[in-house]
Amino acid sequence: MKISRMHDQPGPVFSFEFFPPKTQKSADQLMATVAELKEMIDPDFVSVTYGAGGTTRERTLQCVARIQRELKITSMAHLTCVGHDRAELRRIGGLLAEDGIENILVLRGDPPKGEEQFVQAQGGFAHASDLAGFLREEFQFDLGGACYPEAHPESKTVADDMEWTAKKVTNGVTFLTTQLFFENRTYWSFVERARKAGIKVPIVPGIMPITNVGQIERFTKMCGAGLPPELADRLDRCREDPATVMAIGIEHAVLQCRELLERGAPGIHFYTLNKSPATCAIMAALRQI
């Protein structure tokens, strides 16, 4: 099912993001995790990320196909511009279409490990908006895009970031998913700016449950998201106590999600880091509303 059609129906859309495994053993573990998620939550769809430089691209293709075929869950593949020319992108798109995948998240992609800057592949694209336009002309996929409530780290200004976001929609993106954030006012402010810029597609908040302090500190530094000082202090005081960290992370995420949904967010996209306990606990709490 195309994700834009899910958003046309009543009620919030819940989705979960996984990264592709590096070995067959971890691939089997991922399938077990997603199967558990289906039994406990029955998500509307799941997505599988794409390694920097396309290092895990084959496993991305395999994972999205297996999840949709074997577990009967709508799956969305991620696709980046990194290291791909038009011919390769056309080939990958064809493989996904043959496997019945109808949804793709288009991304520019991060530089490969060891490199500091993105380099456009010869015959490829420099921006996610260009990739969206190409896929729209070549295929019938439903296209999603990423957006950044606190602006992309490489954007010169907030206004510049919004221009690029709007261009993605103009070129075929039918829904947007935000980068992680920890203060809801950041999301609502972004939505307000987007609507003023003429962006009318659903803007889904992306939530990453905190389960490890060092890990979340690395993620926020990488993507430019801010941790509220009070939350950062609480986490710092118990960083060596995993159970307490997870409890704080779940509590914060539940509060975020409740307020977002009560105010009319179109759904929640969870960055799971391939682990289901935290997201399952959050969903259980939300269903008590």
Protein backbone atom coordinates (compact mmCIF):
# COMPACT_ATOMS: atom_id res chain seq x y z
CA MET A 1 0.00 0.00 0.00
CA LYS A 2 1.24 3.49 -0.78
CA ILE A 3 2.00 5.52 2.35
CA SER A 4 0.31 8.67 1.07
CA ARG A 5 -2.95 6.68 0.95
CA MET A 6 -2.47 5.67 4.59
CA HIS A 7 -2.39 9.35 5.48
CA ASP A 8 -5.64 9.89 3.58
CA GLN A 9 -7.39 7.55 6.01
CA PRO A 10 -8.61 8.48 9.52
CA GLY A 11 -6.24 8.06 12.45
CA PRO A 12 -2.47 8.40 12.96
CA VAL A 13 0.05 6.38 10.94
CA PHE A 14 2.69 4.54 13.01
CA SER A 15 5.95 3.45 11.41
CA PHE A 16 9.28 2.03 12.54
CA GLU A 17 12.74 2.36 11.05
CA PHE A 18 15.46 -0.28 11.04
CA PHE A 19 18.99 -0.37 9.70
CA PRO A 20 20.10 -3.27 7.47
CA PRO A 21 22.07 -6.11 9.06
CA LYS A 22 25.65 -6.91 8.11
CA THR A 23 25.47 -10.70 8.42
CA GLN A 24 22.95 -13.44 7.77
CA LYS A 25 22.66 -14.07 11.51
CA SER A 26 21.78 -10.45 12.18
CA ALA A 27 19.40 -10.52 9.21
CA ASP A 28 17.51 -13.39 10.86
CA GLN A 29 17.51 -11.48 14.16
CA LEU A 30 16.06 -8.44 12.41
CA MET A 31 13.27 -10.52 10.90
CA ALA A 32 12.48 -11.89 14.35
CA THR A 33 12.41 -8.36 15.80
CA VAL A 34 10.05 -7.11 13.09
CA ALA A 35 7.85 -10.19 13.51
CA GLU A 36 7.62 -9.47 17.25
CA LEU A 37 6.79 -5.85 16.46
CA LYS A 38 4.01 -6.94 14.13
CA GLU A 39 2.48 -9.24 16.74
CA MET A 40 2.58 -6.63 19.50
CA ILE A 41 1.92 -3.41 17.58
CA ASP A 42 0.93 -4.17 13.97
CA PRO A 43 2.69 -1.11 12.47
CA ASP A 44 1.34 0.60 9.39
CA PHE A 45 4.74 0.27 7.72
CA VAL A 46 8.43 -0.18 8.40
CA SER A 47 11.45 1.25 6.64
CA VAL A 48 15.03 0.04 6.20
CA THR A 49 17.93 2.48 5.95
CA TYR A 50 20.76 2.66 3.45
CA GLY A 51 24.41 2.65 4.55
CA ALA A 52 26.67 5.63 3.81
CA GLY A 53 28.09 5.16 0.37
CA GLY A 54 25.57 2.41 -0.30
CA THR A 55 27.63 -0.05 1.76
CA THR A 56 24.54 -1.98 2.81
CA ARG A 57 22.45 -1.41 -0.29
CA GLU A 58 22.01 -5.07 -1.22
CA ARG A 59 20.87 -5.96 2.29
CA THR A 60 18.48 -3.01 2.22
CA LEU A 61 16.89 -4.42 -0.93
CA GLN A 62 16.78 -7.91 0.56
CA CYS A 63 15.35 -6.76 3.90
CA VAL A 64 12.52 -4.63 2.55
CA ALA A 65 11.55 -7.41 0.15
CA ARG A 66 11.60 -10.11 2.86
CA ILE A 67 9.66 -8.03 5.37
CA GLN A 68 6.92 -7.25 2.87
CA ARG A 69 6.81 -10.74 1.36
CA GLU A 70 7.20 -12.91 4.47
CA LEU A 71 5.69 -10.73 7.21
CA LYS A 72 3.07 -8.97 5.07
CA ILE A 73 4.02 -5.51 6.38
CA THR A 74 4.18 -2.57 3.99
CA SER A 75 7.87 -1.70 3.62
CA MET A 76 9.67 1.43 2.53
CA ALA A 77 13.20 1.33 1.14
CA HIS A 78 15.66 4.16 1.62
CA LEU A 79 17.63 5.28 -1.44
CA THR A 80 20.49 7.79 -1.55
CA CYS A 81 22.45 9.67 -4.17
CA VAL A 82 25.80 8.55 -2.77
CA GLY A 83 27.93 6.67 -5.29
CA HIS A 84 25.11 6.07 -7.79
CA ASP A 85 24.69 7.26 -11.35
CA ARG A 86 21.34 7.33 -13.11
CA ALA A 87 21.78 3.86 -14.60
CA GLU A 88 22.41 2.30 -11.18
CA LEU A 89 19.50 4.16 -9.62
CA ARG A 90 17.27 2.99 -12.45
CA ARG A 91 18.44 -0.60 -11.88
CA ILE A 92 17.75 -0.42 -8.14
CA GLY A 93 14.36 1.14 -8.72
CA GLY A 94 13.52 -1.66 -11.12
CA LEU A 95 14.51 -4.34 -8.58
CA LEU A 96 12.38 -2.74 -5.88
CA ALA A 97 9.42 -2.46 -8.22
CA GLU A 98 9.76 -6.12 -9.21
CA ASP A 99 9.66 -7.07 -5.52
CA GLY A 100 6.41 -5.17 -5.09
CA ILE A 101 7.90 -2.28 -3.09
CA GLU A 102 5.77 0.82 -3.61
CA ASN A 103 7.45 3.30 -1.25
CA ILE A 104 10.91 4.90 -1.23
CA LEU A 105 12.43 7.48 1.10
CA VAL A 106 14.69 9.66 -1.06
CA LEU A 107 17.83 11.03 0.57
CA ARG A 108 21.00 12.72 -0.53
CA GLY A 109 22.92 10.52 1.87
CA ASP A 110 25.84 11.03 4.23
CA PRO A 111 29.46 10.93 3.06
CA PRO A 112 31.02 7.45 3.28
CA LYS A 113 33.04 6.65 6.40
CA GLY A 114 36.33 8.52 6.42
CA GLU A 115 35.07 11.31 4.17
CA GLU A 116 33.89 14.69 5.42
CA GLN A 117 31.96 16.00 2.43
CA PHE A 118 29.36 14.63 0.07
CA VAL A 119 30.66 14.13 -3.46
CA GLN A 120 28.22 13.88 -6.34
CA ALA A 121 28.71 10.71 -8.37
CA GLN A 122 29.44 11.23 -12.04
CA GLY A 123 26.13 10.97 -13.84
CA GLY A 124 24.28 11.05 -10.53
CA PHE A 125 22.56 13.63 -8.36
CA ALA A 126 23.64 16.17 -5.78
CA HIS A 127 20.35 16.57 -3.93
CA ALA A 128 17.46 14.44 -2.69
CA SER A 129 15.10 16.71 -4.59
CA ASP A 130 16.82 15.78 -7.86
CA LEU A 131 16.58 12.08 -7.02
CA ALA A 132 12.88 12.52 -6.26
CA GLY A 133 12.30 14.12 -9.65
CA PHE A 134 14.15 11.30 -11.41
CA LEU A 135 12.20 8.54 -9.64
CA ARG A 136 8.91 10.30 -10.25
CA GLU A 137 9.59 10.33 -13.99
CA GLU A 138 10.90 6.75 -14.15
CA PHE A 139 8.59 4.86 -11.77
CA GLN A 140 5.29 4.91 -9.89
CA PHE A 141 6.71 4.85 -6.35
CA ASP A 142 5.26 6.84 -3.50
CA LEU A 143 8.15 9.09 -2.43
CA GLY A 144 8.91 10.24 1.09
CA GLY A 145 11.45 12.87 2.09
CA ALA A 146 13.40 13.88 5.17
CA CYS A 147 13.06 17.26 6.85
CA TYR A 148 14.93 18.95 9.67
CA PRO A 149 13.02 20.88 12.37
CA GLU A 150 16.29 22.45 13.55
CA ALA A 151 17.58 22.81 9.96
CA HIS A 152 19.99 20.51 8.12
CA PRO A 153 23.52 20.90 9.55
CA GLU A 154 24.78 22.02 6.13
CA SER A 155 22.05 24.60 5.51
CA LYS A 156 23.19 28.22 5.55
CA THR A 157 19.98 29.44 7.18
CA VAL A 158 16.59 28.14 8.31
CA ALA A 159 15.04 29.81 5.26
CA ASP A 160 17.54 28.08 2.96
CA ASP A 161 16.70 24.73 4.54
CA MET A 162 12.99 25.32 3.97
CA GLU A 163 13.59 26.13 0.29
CA TRP A 164 15.24 22.75 -0.22
CA THR A 165 12.41 21.03 1.66
CA ALA A 166 9.84 22.70 -0.56
CA LYS A 167 11.79 21.66 -3.66
CA LYS A 168 11.55 18.01 -2.61
CA VAL A 169 7.77 18.31 -2.49
CA THR A 170 7.65 20.12 -5.83
CA ASN A 171 9.68 17.27 -7.35
CA GLY A 172 7.37 14.51 -6.17
CA VAL A 173 7.67 13.85 -2.42
CA THR A 174 4.22 13.11 -0.99
CA PHE A 175 5.04 13.02 2.73
CA LEU A 176 7.87 14.21 4.98
CA THR A 177 9.42 12.63 8.06
CA THR A 178 11.40 14.77 10.47
CA GLN A 179 14.83 14.16 11.87
CA LEU A 180 14.77 13.29 15.56
CA PHE A 181 13.97 16.06 18.06
CA PHE A 182 13.28 16.21 21.78
CA GLU A 183 11.22 19.38 22.23
CA ASN A 184 7.81 19.41 20.56
CA ARG A 185 7.80 23.15 20.10
CA THR A 186 10.62 22.58 17.61
CA TYR A 187 8.33 20.37 15.53
CA TRP A 188 5.32 22.69 15.67
CA SER A 189 7.44 25.69 14.74
CA PHE A 190 8.78 23.80 11.73
CA VAL A 191 5.28 22.75 10.65
CA GLU A 192 4.08 26.34 10.86
CA ARG A 193 7.00 27.57 8.72
CA ALA A 194 6.42 24.76 6.22
CA ARG A 195 2.74 25.59 5.82
CA LYS A 196 3.59 29.25 5.28
CA ALA A 197 6.06 28.12 2.60
CA GLY A 198 3.24 26.32 0.79
CA ILE A 199 4.13 22.77 1.86
CA LYS A 200 0.86 20.89 2.31
CA VAL A 201 1.98 17.23 2.55
CA PRO A 202 1.86 15.33 5.87
CA ILE A 203 4.84 16.10 8.12
CA VAL A 204 5.41 13.12 10.40
CA PRO A 205 7.43 13.62 13.60
CA GLY A 206 10.40 11.30 13.94
CA ILE A 207 11.02 10.07 17.50
CA MET A 208 14.12 8.25 18.75
CA PRO A 209 13.62 6.66 22.19
CA ILE A 210 16.74 7.25 24.29
CA THR A 211 18.26 3.96 25.44
CA ASN A 212 21.96 4.87 25.65
CA VAL A 213 23.41 8.24 26.66
CA GLY A 214 26.61 8.10 24.63
CA GLN A 215 24.71 6.95 21.59
CA ILE A 216 22.13 9.75 21.71
CA GLU A 217 24.87 12.32 22.25
CA ARG A 218 26.57 11.14 19.05
CA PHE A 219 23.32 11.20 17.08
CA THR A 220 22.36 14.69 18.20
CA LYS A 221 25.81 16.03 17.39
CA MET A 222 25.70 14.44 13.94
CA CYS A 223 22.25 15.71 12.95
CA GLY A 224 22.20 19.03 14.78
CA ALA A 225 19.33 18.17 17.14
CA GLY A 226 19.34 19.64 20.63
CA LEU A 227 18.78 17.89 23.96
CA PRO A 228 16.81 19.98 26.49
CA PRO A 229 19.21 20.89 29.35
CA GLU A 230 17.02 19.31 32.04
CA LEU A 231 16.78 16.04 30.11
CA ALA A 232 20.51 16.06 29.36
CA ASP A 233 21.29 16.54 33.07
CA ARG A 234 19.00 13.68 34.11
CA LEU A 235 20.61 11.37 31.59
CA ASP A 236 24.14 12.39 32.52
CA ARG A 237 23.55 11.57 36.18
CA CYS A 238 22.60 7.97 35.38
CA ARG A 239 24.59 7.27 32.22
CA GLU A 240 26.12 4.16 33.80
CA ASP A 241 22.70 2.76 34.73
CA PRO A 242 21.14 1.39 31.48
CA ALA A 243 17.79 0.50 33.05
CA THR A 244 17.29 4.00 34.42
CA VAL A 245 18.41 5.60 31.16
CA MET A 246 15.86 3.53 29.24
CA ALA A 247 13.12 4.37 31.73
CA ILE A 248 13.83 8.09 31.35
CA GLY A 249 13.99 7.74 27.58
CA ILE A 250 10.65 5.93 27.40
CA GLU A 251 9.00 8.42 29.77
CA HIS A 252 10.17 11.38 27.68
CA ALA A 253 9.13 9.76 24.39
CA VAL A 254 5.66 8.89 25.72
CA LEU A 255 5.11 12.50 26.81
CA GLN A 256 6.31 13.73 23.42
CA CYS A 257 4.12 11.35 21.45
CA ARG A 258 0.98 11.99 23.50
CA GLU A 259 1.21 15.74 23.01
CA LEU A 260 2.03 15.41 19.32
CA LEU A 261 -0.94 13.15 18.63
CA GLU A 262 -3.34 15.16 20.79
CA ARG A 263 -2.45 18.29 18.80
CA GLY A 264 -3.01 16.57 15.47
CA ALA A 265 0.31 15.18 14.25
CA PRO A 266 -0.42 12.75 11.36
CA GLY A 267 1.43 9.89 13.04
CA ILE A 268 4.75 8.94 14.62
CA HIS A 269 7.85 7.49 12.96
CA PHE A 270 10.07 5.66 15.46
CA TYR A 271 13.82 5.34 14.97
CA THR A 272 14.19 1.94 16.62
CA LEU A 273 17.92 1.21 16.23
CA ASN A 274 16.79 -2.38 15.54
CA LYS A 275 15.45 -2.84 19.06
CA SER A 276 11.78 -3.30 19.89
CA PRO A 277 11.41 -3.17 23.73
CA ALA A 278 11.48 0.64 24.03
CA THR A 279 9.10 1.27 21.13
CA CYS A 280 6.75 -1.48 22.27
CA ALA A 281 6.64 0.07 25.76
CA ILE A 282 5.91 3.50 24.27
CA MET A 283 3.12 2.17 22.07
CA ALA A 284 1.59 0.31 25.01
CA ALA A 285 1.51 3.56 26.98
CA LEU A 286 -0.01 5.49 24.08
CA ARG A 287 -2.82 2.99 23.72
CA GLN A 288 -3.89 3.78 27.28
CA ILE A 289 -4.84 7.32 26.24
